Amino acid sequence: GVHPAFARPWLGLELRYTARAFSSAAGYQRWDVVGVGAAASRDLGTPAVRAFASLLYFPMVSVSHQERPRFALGSDVGIALAPSKLPLAVTLSYRIERFSFPKRPRGPSSSRRLHSHWGCGGGLAG
């Protein structure tokens, strides 16, 4: 994330773009999501182990074959391990996103979609 000068060292601004595509026998759908929000990160007793969390507002969401949501939020929490003697970083995180779509004719007053998943990643520390 981008850390503005007025923020604490553990708090920063986060800008995020995510693209997802789903394909099945029922069809194809692509999601493009742009988010802005706050991200916090703290050492857990050592700089090699950090906990992090973020809260994001998604002002721009595009979903193929569907109207744009009226409102969308996301959040994630996790832990990152980056041993000082190895050029590697490993993360474990949980993300949840909520989308509220406009009402459809002859349907419910509004439609909500909740997306959540666990993630595990790794890469070179820099």
Protein backbone atom coordinates (compact mmCIF):
# COMPACT_ATOMS: atom_id res chain seq x y z
CA GLY A 1 0.00 0.00 0.00
CA VAL A 2 0.87 3.66 -0.19
CA HIS A 3 1.72 5.24 3.18
CA PRO A 4 0.86 8.96 3.40
CA ALA A 5 2.95 11.25 5.63
CA PHE A 6 0.09 11.91 8.11
CA ALA A 7 -0.39 8.22 8.91
CA ARG A 8 1.25 6.22 11.64
CA PRO A 9 4.06 3.86 10.49
CA TRP A 10 1.71 0.87 10.97
CA LEU A 11 -1.23 2.47 9.12
CA GLY A 12 -1.41 3.22 5.41
CA LEU A 13 -3.59 3.85 2.41
CA GLU A 14 -4.28 0.84 0.20
CA LEU A 15 -5.18 0.91 -3.49
CA ARG A 16 -6.11 -2.44 -5.03
CA TYR A 17 -7.16 -3.80 -8.42
CA THR A 18 -8.42 -7.38 -8.75
CA ALA A 19 -9.58 -9.23 -11.87
CA ARG A 20 -11.37 -12.58 -11.60
CA ALA A 21 -12.83 -14.84 -14.23
CA PHE A 22 -15.17 -17.78 -13.66
CA SER A 23 -16.02 -20.33 -16.31
CA SER A 24 -18.37 -23.32 -16.06
CA ALA A 25 -21.04 -25.15 -18.03
CA ALA A 26 -23.42 -22.35 -16.97
CA GLY A 27 -21.28 -19.67 -18.65
CA TYR A 28 -18.46 -17.20 -18.23
CA GLN A 29 -18.26 -14.21 -15.88
CA ARG A 30 -15.48 -11.65 -15.34
CA TRP A 31 -15.16 -9.34 -12.35
CA ASP A 32 -12.97 -6.20 -12.30
CA VAL A 33 -12.75 -4.56 -8.88
CA VAL A 34 -10.95 -1.35 -7.83
CA GLY A 35 -10.65 -0.70 -4.09
CA VAL A 36 -9.40 2.06 -1.82
CA GLY A 37 -9.08 1.88 1.94
CA ALA A 38 -6.88 1.59 5.00
CA ALA A 39 -4.36 -1.12 5.83
CA ALA A 40 -2.74 -1.77 9.21
CA SER A 41 0.29 -3.92 9.99
CA ARG A 42 2.12 -4.74 13.25
CA ASP A 43 5.10 -6.85 14.26
CA LEU A 44 4.22 -9.84 16.42
CA GLY A 45 7.23 -9.71 18.73
CA THR A 46 9.75 -9.77 15.87
CA PRO A 47 9.98 -7.94 12.53
CA ALA A 48 10.01 -11.34 10.78
CA VAL A 49 6.37 -12.00 11.76
CA ARG A 50 3.70 -9.40 10.96
CA ALA A 51 -0.09 -9.36 11.31
CA PHE A 52 -2.07 -7.27 8.86
CA ALA A 53 -5.65 -6.18 8.23
CA SER A 54 -7.40 -3.93 5.74
CA LEU A 55 -10.83 -2.44 5.08
CA LEU A 56 -11.68 -1.37 1.54
CA TYR A 57 -14.46 0.44 -0.29
CA PHE A 58 -14.89 -0.63 -3.93
CA PRO A 59 -15.97 2.47 -5.91
CA MET A 60 -15.59 0.72 -9.28
CA VAL A 61 -16.88 -2.82 -9.85
CA SER A 62 -17.60 -4.27 -13.27
CA VAL A 63 -19.28 -7.66 -13.65
CA SER A 64 -19.87 -9.12 -17.11
CA HIS A 65 -23.51 -9.89 -17.96
CA GLN A 66 -24.75 -8.12 -14.80
CA GLU A 67 -25.47 -4.62 -13.52
CA ARG A 68 -22.85 -2.93 -11.36
CA PRO A 69 -23.38 -3.27 -7.61
CA ARG A 70 -24.82 -0.26 -5.76
CA PHE A 71 -22.37 -0.72 -2.88
CA ALA A 72 -19.34 -2.93 -2.22
CA LEU A 73 -16.91 -3.43 0.69
CA GLY A 74 -14.04 -5.78 1.42
CA SER A 75 -11.77 -6.74 4.27
CA ASP A 76 -8.87 -9.06 4.84
CA VAL A 77 -6.74 -10.22 7.77
CA GLY A 78 -3.61 -12.31 7.81
CA ILE A 79 -0.11 -13.02 8.93
CA ALA A 80 3.17 -12.73 7.03
CA LEU A 81 6.42 -14.53 7.80
CA ALA A 82 9.67 -13.15 6.32
CA PRO A 83 12.73 -14.66 8.04
CA SER A 84 15.67 -12.25 7.98
CA LYS A 85 18.13 -14.94 6.83
CA LEU A 86 16.06 -16.08 3.86
CA PRO A 87 14.94 -14.00 0.83
CA LEU A 88 11.40 -15.44 1.12
CA ALA A 89 8.07 -14.24 2.47
CA VAL A 90 5.05 -16.45 3.18
CA THR A 91 1.53 -15.16 3.91
CA LEU A 92 -1.71 -16.71 5.11
CA SER A 93 -4.81 -14.52 4.81
CA TYR A 94 -8.60 -14.53 4.83
CA ARG A 95 -10.56 -12.11 2.60
CA ILE A 96 -14.26 -11.34 2.57
CA GLU A 97 -16.09 -9.08 0.09
CA ARG A 98 -19.74 -7.97 0.07
CA PHE A 99 -21.58 -6.67 -2.99
CA SER A 100 -25.10 -5.21 -3.02
CA PHE A 101 -26.76 -5.22 -6.46
CA PRO A 102 -29.82 -3.19 -7.58
CA LYS A 103 -33.22 -4.83 -7.46
CA ARG A 104 -34.38 -6.74 -10.50
CA PRO A 105 -37.86 -6.56 -12.02
CA ARG A 106 -40.00 -9.39 -10.66
CA GLY A 107 -37.28 -10.29 -8.16
CA PRO A 108 -36.18 -9.55 -4.61
CA SER A 109 -35.80 -5.91 -3.56
CA SER A 110 -32.03 -6.23 -3.84
CA SER A 111 -29.45 -8.91 -4.40
CA ARG A 112 -26.38 -9.39 -2.24
CA ARG A 113 -23.36 -11.48 -3.01
CA LEU A 114 -20.73 -12.45 -0.47
CA HIS A 115 -17.34 -13.70 -1.61
CA SER A 116 -14.76 -15.04 0.83
CA HIS A 117 -11.65 -17.16 0.62
CA TRP A 118 -8.48 -18.21 2.36
CA GLY A 119 -5.24 -17.42 0.61
CA CYS A 120 -1.70 -18.65 1.00
CA GLY A 121 1.15 -17.13 -0.90
CA GLY A 122 4.88 -16.80 -1.06
CA GLY A 123 7.57 -15.04 -2.95
CA LEU A 124 10.88 -13.29 -2.78
CA ALA A 125 11.18 -10.76 0.02
CA GLY A 126 12.37 -7.37 -1.04
